[in-house]
Amino acid sequence: MRAARWMPHGRVPARPSTRAQEGMSAMAEPGAARPEVDDRSVGDLVSEAVSDITRLVKYETDLAKQELLADVRRIGMSAGLAATILVTSFLMLVMLCFALAYGLQTLGVWDWASFLIVAGVLVVLAAAFAGIIYLLVRRLDRLRKTRETVQSDIALLRHDEQTGPPAAIPR
């Protein structure tokens, strides 16, 4: 049995051919005697093939796990940075609101009115964003095309079940 070797791409290396090493081909000289036949039984060959396939599947799943873990780490880091950006943006918005209110006071607007104007601006912005979200959500397809194609596929299958196998076409 061959020793398993992990390859970076997750594939099991191919077994070198004895004919390729010797520069011979069984098809090159039809009159020549064939090389020695392996004396292993069919059961041994099947067992080795199953072992190779099992090993290949294990290598592929290990590779997929490593790639998925790397992607999850990147997503986690991105989510953490996005949360930091959101908190910082919220703090900047609060500071800008105070700056706007005090700027209005500098222009001669009463104290209470300047903060009320800033609050009104925030309400108008929130309403505009809510309207945009409503329009975007309303335009969702809700998998309309997928439902249509699945329904047509099911109808086609039901039609085939009712009619039976197709008749032979005379020539």
Protein backbone atom coordinates (compact mmCIF):
# COMPACT_ATOMS: atom_id res chain seq x y z
CA MET A 1 0.00 0.00 0.00
CA ARG A 2 1.27 3.46 -0.84
CA ALA A 3 2.10 5.99 1.84
CA ALA A 4 -0.26 8.95 1.77
CA ARG A 5 1.36 12.29 1.10
CA TRP A 6 -0.42 15.61 1.58
CA MET A 7 -0.17 17.88 -1.41
CA PRO A 8 -0.81 21.67 -1.17
CA HIS A 9 -3.63 21.47 -3.70
CA GLY A 10 -5.25 18.56 -1.84
CA ARG A 11 -4.75 15.95 -4.58
CA VAL A 12 -3.15 12.55 -4.15
CA PRO A 13 -0.10 12.28 -6.41
CA ALA A 14 -0.46 9.91 -9.32
CA ARG A 15 1.44 6.64 -9.21
CA PRO A 16 4.30 6.70 -11.73
CA SER A 17 3.79 4.25 -14.54
CA THR A 18 6.46 1.60 -15.04
CA ARG A 19 5.90 1.75 -18.81
CA ALA A 20 6.39 5.53 -18.82
CA GLN A 21 9.59 5.17 -16.82
CA GLU A 22 10.98 2.61 -19.25
CA GLY A 23 9.85 4.57 -22.29
CA MET A 24 7.66 1.68 -23.46
CA SER A 25 4.03 1.54 -24.42
CA ALA A 26 1.88 -1.57 -24.69
CA MET A 27 0.27 -0.08 -27.81
CA ALA A 28 3.56 0.86 -29.50
CA GLU A 29 4.49 -2.65 -30.61
CA PRO A 30 1.47 -4.91 -31.09
CA GLY A 31 3.60 -8.01 -31.59
CA ALA A 32 5.66 -7.42 -28.47
CA ALA A 33 4.88 -9.29 -25.31
CA ARG A 34 2.94 -7.37 -22.72
CA PRO A 35 4.74 -6.36 -19.54
CA GLU A 36 4.23 -8.48 -16.45
CA VAL A 37 0.69 -8.50 -15.11
CA ASP A 38 0.25 -7.48 -11.51
CA ASP A 39 -0.63 -10.55 -9.43
CA ARG A 40 -3.06 -8.69 -7.16
CA SER A 41 -6.65 -9.84 -7.09
CA VAL A 42 -9.62 -7.74 -8.12
CA GLY A 43 -10.63 -7.46 -4.48
CA ASP A 44 -7.20 -6.02 -3.61
CA LEU A 45 -7.45 -3.53 -6.47
CA VAL A 46 -10.95 -2.48 -5.42
CA SER A 47 -9.80 -2.17 -1.82
CA GLU A 48 -6.88 0.01 -2.88
CA ALA A 49 -9.16 2.15 -5.08
CA VAL A 50 -11.63 2.64 -2.21
CA SER A 51 -8.74 3.53 0.10
CA ASP A 52 -7.39 6.05 -2.42
CA ILE A 53 -10.81 7.62 -2.91
CA THR A 54 -11.36 7.80 0.85
CA ARG A 55 -7.97 9.45 1.29
CA LEU A 56 -8.71 11.87 -1.55
CA VAL A 57 -12.05 12.84 -0.01
CA LYS A 58 -10.34 13.33 3.36
CA TYR A 59 -7.69 15.57 1.80
CA GLU A 60 -10.34 17.58 -0.05
CA THR A 61 -12.42 18.07 3.10
CA ASP A 62 -9.32 19.08 5.08
CA LEU A 63 -8.46 21.61 2.39
CA ALA A 64 -12.04 22.92 2.40
CA LYS A 65 -11.96 23.23 6.20
CA GLN A 66 -8.71 25.20 6.07
CA GLU A 67 -10.05 27.53 3.39
CA LEU A 68 -13.34 27.98 5.24
CA LEU A 69 -11.52 28.72 8.49
CA ALA A 70 -9.41 31.37 6.77
CA ASP A 71 -12.55 32.92 5.24
CA VAL A 72 -14.33 32.89 8.62
CA ARG A 73 -11.35 34.65 10.20
CA ARG A 74 -11.41 37.32 7.48
CA ILE A 75 -15.17 37.78 7.88
CA GLY A 76 -14.78 38.06 11.67
CA MET A 77 -12.06 40.67 11.31
CA SER A 78 -14.17 42.59 8.79
CA ALA A 79 -17.21 42.46 11.07
CA GLY A 80 -15.15 43.78 13.99
CA LEU A 81 -13.81 46.64 11.90
CA ALA A 82 -17.31 47.42 10.58
CA ALA A 83 -18.62 47.59 14.16
CA THR A 84 -15.79 49.96 15.05
CA ILE A 85 -16.64 52.14 12.06
CA LEU A 86 -20.33 52.22 13.07
CA VAL A 87 -19.55 53.25 16.66
CA THR A 88 -17.11 55.91 15.48
CA SER A 89 -19.61 57.20 12.92
CA PHE A 90 -22.31 57.43 15.58
CA LEU A 91 -20.00 59.43 17.84
CA MET A 92 -19.09 61.72 14.93
CA LEU A 93 -22.78 62.26 14.18
CA VAL A 94 -23.43 63.26 17.78
CA MET A 95 -20.51 65.70 17.72
CA LEU A 96 -21.63 67.16 14.38
CA CYS A 97 -25.15 67.64 15.76
CA PHE A 98 -23.79 69.58 18.72
CA ALA A 99 -21.59 71.61 16.39
CA LEU A 100 -24.58 72.42 14.18
CA ALA A 101 -26.70 73.42 17.19
CA TYR A 102 -23.98 75.69 18.60
CA GLY A 103 -23.35 77.09 15.13
CA LEU A 104 -27.02 78.02 14.86
CA GLN A 105 -26.79 79.66 18.28
CA THR A 106 -23.83 81.69 17.06
CA LEU A 107 -25.98 82.91 14.16
CA GLY A 108 -28.52 84.23 16.65
CA VAL A 109 -31.02 81.36 16.89
CA TRP A 110 -32.36 80.72 20.41
CA ASP A 111 -30.74 77.85 22.30
CA TRP A 112 -33.80 75.66 22.42
CA ALA A 113 -34.65 76.36 18.76
CA SER A 114 -31.17 75.42 17.53
CA PHE A 115 -31.36 71.97 19.15
CA LEU A 116 -34.93 71.56 17.89
CA ILE A 117 -33.82 72.39 14.34
CA VAL A 118 -31.02 69.79 14.58
CA ALA A 119 -33.51 67.19 15.87
CA GLY A 120 -35.86 68.04 12.98
CA VAL A 121 -33.05 67.58 10.46
CA LEU A 122 -32.30 64.15 11.97
CA VAL A 123 -35.98 63.16 11.79
CA VAL A 124 -36.15 64.21 8.12
CA LEU A 125 -32.97 62.20 7.35
CA ALA A 126 -34.35 59.15 9.17
CA ALA A 127 -37.63 59.39 7.25
CA ALA A 128 -35.76 59.68 3.94
CA PHE A 129 -33.65 56.60 4.76
CA ALA A 130 -36.78 54.68 5.83
CA GLY A 131 -38.45 55.57 2.52
CA ILE A 132 -35.44 54.37 0.55
CA ILE A 133 -35.41 51.10 2.51
CA TYR A 134 -39.13 50.65 1.89
CA LEU A 135 -38.68 51.14 -1.87
CA LEU A 136 -35.77 48.70 -2.00
CA VAL A 137 -37.61 46.01 -0.02
CA ARG A 138 -40.77 46.44 -2.07
CA ARG A 139 -38.81 45.79 -5.27
CA LEU A 140 -37.46 42.42 -4.05
CA ASP A 141 -38.32 39.56 -6.40
CA ARG A 142 -38.90 37.06 -3.60
CA LEU A 143 -37.35 34.35 -5.78
CA ARG A 144 -40.03 34.84 -8.41
CA LYS A 145 -37.97 33.42 -11.27
CA THR A 146 -36.83 30.46 -9.19
CA ARG A 147 -40.41 29.65 -8.19
CA GLU A 148 -41.54 29.87 -11.81
CA THR A 149 -38.80 27.57 -13.10
CA VAL A 150 -39.30 25.05 -10.28
CA GLN A 151 -43.04 25.02 -10.91
CA SER A 152 -42.51 24.53 -14.65
CA ASP A 153 -40.01 21.72 -13.95
CA ILE A 154 -42.49 20.01 -11.63
CA ALA A 155 -45.25 20.41 -14.22
CA LEU A 156 -42.95 18.94 -16.87
CA LEU A 157 -42.13 15.98 -14.63
CA ARG A 158 -45.80 15.40 -13.86
CA HIS A 159 -46.61 15.59 -17.56
CA ASP A 160 -43.89 12.98 -18.30
CA GLU A 161 -45.20 10.69 -15.54
CA GLN A 162 -48.73 10.85 -16.94
CA THR A 163 -47.76 10.27 -20.56
CA GLY A 164 -45.18 7.59 -19.85
CA PRO A 165 -41.96 7.06 -21.75
CA PRO A 166 -41.70 8.69 -25.16
CA ALA A 167 -42.74 6.54 -28.09
CA ALA A 168 -40.20 5.51 -30.70
CA ILE A 169 -40.09 7.86 -33.63
CA PRO A 170 -40.52 6.04 -36.98
CA ARG A 171 -37.87 6.79 -39.55
